[in-house]
Amino acid sequence: MGANLVLRFLLELSAIAIAAYWGWDTGSGAWSRVLAVAAASAIVAVWWLFVAPKAAIAVRRPFRFAIELGVWTAAAAGLWATGHEGLALAFFVVAVASGTLNYAWD
């Protein structure tokens, strides 16, 4: 269980980095920086509000798990959109497996 929590933390950080990368790659000029910060901030906000262990808004476990899957899907879609299809698929599979184990052990 401890190893999965470490993996989960690394996946969270990766999702933030992926969102920023997607924004940087998708935008142009100054908009790329704005989009990178906004996308990364959106991931942080959603995670902090609903998914984090001390989330600001308490939601039921199934809903929290659905939001978590949405974050993983968004990050994988960002990788896919930037041309990293294999990495996107690998990230998504590992993230969903980790999230599912976390849900089962919670």
N, C-alpha and C. Protein backbone atom coordinates (compact mmCIF):
# COMPACT_ATOMS: atom_id res chain seq x y z
N MET A 1 0.82 -1.19 0.00
CA MET A 1 0.00 0.00 0.00
C MET A 1 0.87 1.27 0.00
N GLY A 2 1.97 1.25 0.75
CA GLY A 2 2.85 2.41 0.79
C GLY A 2 3.45 2.73 -0.56
N ALA A 3 3.84 1.69 -1.30
CA ALA A 3 4.41 1.91 -2.64
C ALA A 3 3.38 2.54 -3.57
N ASN A 4 2.14 2.13 -3.43
CA ASN A 4 1.08 2.70 -4.28
C ASN A 4 0.85 4.17 -3.94
N LEU A 5 0.98 4.54 -2.68
CA LEU A 5 0.82 5.94 -2.31
C LEU A 5 1.94 6.80 -2.89
N VAL A 6 3.16 6.26 -2.91
CA VAL A 6 4.27 6.98 -3.55
C VAL A 6 4.00 7.12 -5.04
N LEU A 7 3.59 6.02 -5.67
CA LEU A 7 3.26 6.06 -7.10
C LEU A 7 2.15 7.06 -7.37
N ARG A 8 1.16 7.06 -6.53
CA ARG A 8 0.03 7.98 -6.68
C ARG A 8 0.48 9.44 -6.62
N PHE A 9 1.38 9.73 -5.68
CA PHE A 9 1.91 11.09 -5.57
C PHE A 9 2.68 11.48 -6.83
N LEU A 10 3.49 10.56 -7.34
CA LEU A 10 4.24 10.82 -8.58
C LEU A 10 3.30 11.01 -9.76
N LEU A 11 2.20 10.26 -9.78
CA LEU A 11 1.21 10.43 -10.84
C LEU A 11 0.52 11.79 -10.75
N GLU A 12 0.25 12.23 -9.53
CA GLU A 12 -0.35 13.56 -9.34
C GLU A 12 0.58 14.65 -9.87
N LEU A 13 1.85 14.57 -9.50
CA LEU A 13 2.82 15.54 -9.99
C LEU A 13 2.95 15.46 -11.51
N SER A 14 2.91 14.26 -12.04
CA SER A 14 2.99 14.07 -13.49
C SER A 14 1.79 14.69 -14.19
N ALA A 15 0.61 14.52 -13.62
CA ALA A 15 -0.59 15.10 -14.23
C ALA A 15 -0.48 16.62 -14.31
N ILE A 16 0.07 17.24 -13.27
CA ILE A 16 0.27 18.69 -13.28
C ILE A 16 1.27 19.08 -14.36
N ALA A 17 2.37 18.36 -14.42
CA ALA A 17 3.40 18.64 -15.43
C ALA A 17 2.87 18.42 -16.84
N ILE A 18 2.10 17.37 -17.03
CA ILE A 18 1.52 17.08 -18.34
C ILE A 18 0.58 18.20 -18.77
N ALA A 19 -0.24 18.66 -17.84
CA ALA A 19 -1.18 19.74 -18.16
C ALA A 19 -0.41 20.99 -18.58
N ALA A 20 0.66 21.30 -17.85
CA ALA A 20 1.47 22.47 -18.21
C ALA A 20 2.13 22.28 -19.57
N TYR A 21 2.63 21.09 -19.82
CA TYR A 21 3.26 20.79 -21.11
C TYR A 21 2.25 20.93 -22.25
N TRP A 22 1.05 20.40 -22.03
CA TRP A 22 0.01 20.50 -23.05
C TRP A 22 -0.29 21.97 -23.35
N GLY A 23 -0.44 22.78 -22.31
CA GLY A 23 -0.72 24.20 -22.51
C GLY A 23 0.40 24.90 -23.25
N TRP A 24 1.63 24.60 -22.89
CA TRP A 24 2.78 25.21 -23.53
C TRP A 24 2.84 24.82 -25.01
N ASP A 25 2.58 23.54 -25.28
CA ASP A 25 2.66 23.02 -26.65
C ASP A 25 1.49 23.48 -27.51
N THR A 26 0.34 23.64 -26.91
CA THR A 26 -0.88 23.97 -27.64
C THR A 26 -0.97 25.46 -27.97
N GLY A 27 -0.62 26.29 -27.02
CA GLY A 27 -0.72 27.73 -27.23
C GLY A 27 0.40 28.25 -28.10
N SER A 28 0.32 29.53 -28.41
CA SER A 28 1.39 30.17 -29.16
C SER A 28 1.68 31.53 -28.55
N GLY A 29 2.95 31.89 -28.56
CA GLY A 29 3.34 33.17 -27.98
C GLY A 29 3.06 33.22 -26.49
N ALA A 30 2.57 34.37 -26.04
CA ALA A 30 2.26 34.56 -24.62
C ALA A 30 1.14 33.63 -24.17
N TRP A 31 0.25 33.28 -25.10
CA TRP A 31 -0.85 32.40 -24.74
C TRP A 31 -0.38 31.01 -24.31
N SER A 32 0.76 30.58 -24.81
CA SER A 32 1.26 29.26 -24.39
C SER A 32 1.59 29.26 -22.90
N ARG A 33 2.15 30.36 -22.40
CA ARG A 33 2.45 30.44 -20.98
C ARG A 33 1.18 30.54 -20.15
N VAL A 34 0.24 31.33 -20.61
CA VAL A 34 -1.03 31.47 -19.90
C VAL A 34 -1.76 30.13 -19.85
N LEU A 35 -1.82 29.45 -20.99
CA LEU A 35 -2.50 28.16 -21.05
C LEU A 35 -1.79 27.11 -20.21
N ALA A 36 -0.47 27.14 -20.18
CA ALA A 36 0.28 26.19 -19.36
C ALA A 36 -0.03 26.37 -17.88
N VAL A 37 -0.02 27.62 -17.42
CA VAL A 37 -0.31 27.90 -16.01
C VAL A 37 -1.77 27.58 -15.68
N ALA A 38 -2.67 27.94 -16.57
CA ALA A 38 -4.10 27.69 -16.32
C ALA A 38 -4.41 26.20 -16.27
N ALA A 39 -3.84 25.43 -17.20
CA ALA A 39 -4.10 23.98 -17.22
C ALA A 39 -3.54 23.30 -15.97
N ALA A 40 -2.32 23.65 -15.59
CA ALA A 40 -1.72 23.08 -14.39
C ALA A 40 -2.51 23.50 -13.14
N SER A 41 -2.92 24.74 -13.10
CA SER A 41 -3.70 25.23 -11.96
C SER A 41 -5.05 24.54 -11.85
N ALA A 42 -5.65 24.23 -12.98
CA ALA A 42 -6.94 23.53 -12.97
C ALA A 42 -6.78 22.13 -12.36
N ILE A 43 -5.71 21.44 -12.72
CA ILE A 43 -5.47 20.11 -12.15
C ILE A 43 -5.26 20.22 -10.64
N VAL A 44 -4.44 21.17 -10.23
CA VAL A 44 -4.18 21.36 -8.79
C VAL A 44 -5.48 21.68 -8.06
N ALA A 45 -6.28 22.57 -8.61
CA ALA A 45 -7.53 22.98 -7.96
C ALA A 45 -8.51 21.82 -7.81
N VAL A 46 -8.68 21.07 -8.86
CA VAL A 46 -9.62 19.93 -8.80
C VAL A 46 -9.14 18.91 -7.79
N TRP A 47 -7.84 18.63 -7.82
CA TRP A 47 -7.30 17.63 -6.88
C TRP A 47 -7.45 18.12 -5.44
N TRP A 48 -7.10 19.37 -5.20
CA TRP A 48 -7.19 19.92 -3.85
C TRP A 48 -8.64 19.98 -3.37
N LEU A 49 -9.54 20.36 -4.25
CA LEU A 49 -10.94 20.50 -3.84
C LEU A 49 -11.62 19.17 -3.54
N PHE A 50 -11.34 18.13 -4.35
CA PHE A 50 -12.15 16.92 -4.27
C PHE A 50 -11.40 15.63 -3.97
N VAL A 51 -10.14 15.51 -4.34
CA VAL A 51 -9.49 14.20 -4.31
C VAL A 51 -8.45 14.06 -3.20
N ALA A 52 -7.78 15.12 -2.84
CA ALA A 52 -6.70 15.06 -1.85
C ALA A 52 -7.21 14.44 -0.54
N PRO A 53 -6.29 13.81 0.22
CA PRO A 53 -6.71 13.21 1.49
C PRO A 53 -7.44 14.19 2.42
N LYS A 54 -7.04 15.45 2.41
CA LYS A 54 -7.72 16.47 3.21
C LYS A 54 -8.39 17.45 2.26
N ALA A 55 -9.23 16.92 1.39
CA ALA A 55 -9.90 17.73 0.37
C ALA A 55 -10.75 18.82 1.00
N ALA A 56 -10.83 19.94 0.32
CA ALA A 56 -11.61 21.07 0.81
C ALA A 56 -13.11 20.77 0.78
N ILE A 57 -13.53 19.96 -0.18
CA ILE A 57 -14.95 19.59 -0.30
C ILE A 57 -15.05 18.07 -0.21
N ALA A 58 -15.70 17.61 0.84
CA ALA A 58 -15.86 16.17 1.03
C ALA A 58 -16.96 15.64 0.11
N VAL A 59 -16.60 14.64 -0.67
CA VAL A 59 -17.56 13.99 -1.54
C VAL A 59 -17.51 12.48 -1.28
N ARG A 60 -18.53 11.78 -1.69
CA ARG A 60 -18.55 10.33 -1.51
C ARG A 60 -17.46 9.67 -2.32
N ARG A 61 -17.01 8.52 -1.83
CA ARG A 61 -15.89 7.81 -2.47
C ARG A 61 -16.11 7.56 -3.96
N PRO A 62 -17.26 7.07 -4.40
CA PRO A 62 -17.41 6.82 -5.84
C PRO A 62 -17.27 8.10 -6.68
N PHE A 63 -17.80 9.21 -6.16
CA PHE A 63 -17.70 10.47 -6.88
C PHE A 63 -16.26 10.96 -6.90
N ARG A 64 -15.56 10.82 -5.77
CA ARG A 64 -14.15 11.20 -5.69
C ARG A 64 -13.32 10.37 -6.68
N PHE A 65 -13.63 9.08 -6.76
CA PHE A 65 -12.92 8.20 -7.70
C PHE A 65 -13.21 8.62 -9.14
N ALA A 66 -14.43 8.99 -9.43
CA ALA A 66 -14.78 9.45 -10.78
C ALA A 66 -14.02 10.73 -11.14
N ILE A 67 -13.90 11.64 -10.19
CA ILE A 67 -13.15 12.88 -10.44
C ILE A 67 -11.68 12.55 -10.66
N GLU A 68 -11.15 11.64 -9.86
CA GLU A 68 -9.76 11.22 -10.04
C GLU A 68 -9.55 10.63 -11.44
N LEU A 69 -10.47 9.79 -11.87
CA LEU A 69 -10.37 9.23 -13.22
C LEU A 69 -10.43 10.31 -14.28
N GLY A 70 -11.22 11.35 -14.01
CA GLY A 70 -11.28 12.48 -14.93
C GLY A 70 -9.95 13.20 -15.04
N VAL A 71 -9.25 13.35 -13.92
CA VAL A 71 -7.93 13.99 -13.93
C VAL A 71 -6.95 13.13 -14.73
N TRP A 72 -6.96 11.82 -14.47
CA TRP A 72 -6.05 10.93 -15.22
C TRP A 72 -6.37 10.96 -16.71
N THR A 73 -7.65 10.97 -17.03
CA THR A 73 -8.05 11.01 -18.44
C THR A 73 -7.62 12.31 -19.10
N ALA A 74 -7.79 13.42 -18.40
CA ALA A 74 -7.38 14.72 -18.95
C ALA A 74 -5.87 14.75 -19.19
N ALA A 75 -5.09 14.23 -18.25
CA ALA A 75 -3.64 14.22 -18.42
C ALA A 75 -3.24 13.33 -19.59
N ALA A 76 -3.84 12.16 -19.67
CA ALA A 76 -3.53 11.25 -20.79
C ALA A 76 -3.95 11.88 -22.11
N ALA A 77 -5.08 12.55 -22.13
CA ALA A 77 -5.53 13.22 -23.37
C ALA A 77 -4.57 14.34 -23.76
N GLY A 78 -4.01 15.03 -22.78
CA GLY A 78 -3.03 16.07 -23.06
C GLY A 78 -1.78 15.50 -23.70
N LEU A 79 -1.32 14.37 -23.18
CA LEU A 79 -0.16 13.70 -23.79
C LEU A 79 -0.49 13.24 -25.21
N TRP A 80 -1.66 12.67 -25.36
CA TRP A 80 -2.09 12.18 -26.68
C TRP A 80 -2.14 13.34 -27.68
N ALA A 81 -2.70 14.45 -27.25
CA ALA A 81 -2.86 15.60 -28.14
C ALA A 81 -1.52 16.20 -28.55
N THR A 82 -0.50 16.01 -27.74
CA THR A 82 0.82 16.55 -28.08
C THR A 82 1.67 15.54 -28.84
N GLY A 83 1.06 14.43 -29.24
CA GLY A 83 1.75 13.47 -30.08
C GLY A 83 2.48 12.36 -29.35
N HIS A 84 2.20 12.18 -28.08
CA HIS A 84 2.86 11.13 -27.30
C HIS A 84 1.84 10.03 -26.96
N GLU A 85 1.34 9.38 -28.00
CA GLU A 85 0.26 8.40 -27.81
C GLU A 85 0.66 7.23 -26.93
N GLY A 86 1.85 6.66 -27.16
CA GLY A 86 2.29 5.53 -26.34
C GLY A 86 2.46 5.90 -24.88
N LEU A 87 3.05 7.03 -24.64
CA LEU A 87 3.24 7.50 -23.27
C LEU A 87 1.89 7.81 -22.61
N ALA A 88 0.97 8.35 -23.39
CA ALA A 88 -0.37 8.64 -22.87
C ALA A 88 -1.06 7.37 -22.44
N LEU A 89 -0.98 6.34 -23.25
CA LEU A 89 -1.62 5.06 -22.91
C LEU A 89 -0.98 4.44 -21.68
N ALA A 90 0.35 4.47 -21.61
CA ALA A 90 1.05 3.91 -20.45
C ALA A 90 0.69 4.68 -19.18
N PHE A 91 0.69 6.01 -19.27
CA PHE A 91 0.32 6.82 -18.11
C PHE A 91 -1.09 6.48 -17.64
N PHE A 92 -2.01 6.41 -18.59
CA PHE A 92 -3.41 6.16 -18.24
C PHE A 92 -3.58 4.79 -17.58
N VAL A 93 -2.95 3.77 -18.12
CA VAL A 93 -3.08 2.42 -17.56
C VAL A 93 -2.53 2.38 -16.14
N VAL A 94 -1.34 2.96 -15.94
CA VAL A 94 -0.74 2.95 -14.60
C VAL A 94 -1.57 3.78 -13.63
N ALA A 95 -2.06 4.93 -14.07
CA ALA A 95 -2.85 5.80 -13.19
C ALA A 95 -4.17 5.15 -12.79
N VAL A 96 -4.84 4.53 -13.74
CA VAL A 96 -6.11 3.87 -13.42
C VAL A 96 -5.88 2.67 -12.51
N ALA A 97 -4.81 1.92 -12.75
CA ALA A 97 -4.51 0.78 -11.88
C ALA A 97 -4.22 1.26 -10.45
N SER A 98 -3.42 2.31 -10.32
CA SER A 98 -3.10 2.86 -9.00
C SER A 98 -4.35 3.41 -8.33
N GLY A 99 -5.16 4.14 -9.07
CA GLY A 99 -6.40 4.68 -8.51
C GLY A 99 -7.37 3.59 -8.07
N THR A 100 -7.45 2.55 -8.86
CA THR A 100 -8.34 1.43 -8.52
C THR A 100 -7.86 0.73 -7.25
N LEU A 101 -6.55 0.50 -7.14
CA LEU A 101 -6.01 -0.10 -5.92
C LEU A 101 -6.25 0.80 -4.71
N ASN A 102 -6.05 2.09 -4.88
CA ASN A 102 -6.29 3.02 -3.79
C ASN A 102 -7.76 3.00 -3.36
N TYR A 103 -8.66 2.94 -4.34
CA TYR A 103 -10.08 2.88 -4.04
C TYR A 103 -10.43 1.60 -3.28
N ALA A 104 -9.86 0.49 -3.73
CA ALA A 104 -10.15 -0.80 -3.08
C ALA A 104 -9.58 -0.86 -1.66
N TRP A 105 -8.43 -0.24 -1.43
CA TRP A 105 -7.80 -0.29 -0.11
C TRP A 105 -8.28 0.79 0.84
N ASP A 106 -9.00 1.78 0.35
CA ASP A 106 -9.42 2.90 1.18
C ASP A 106 -10.43 2.44 2.20
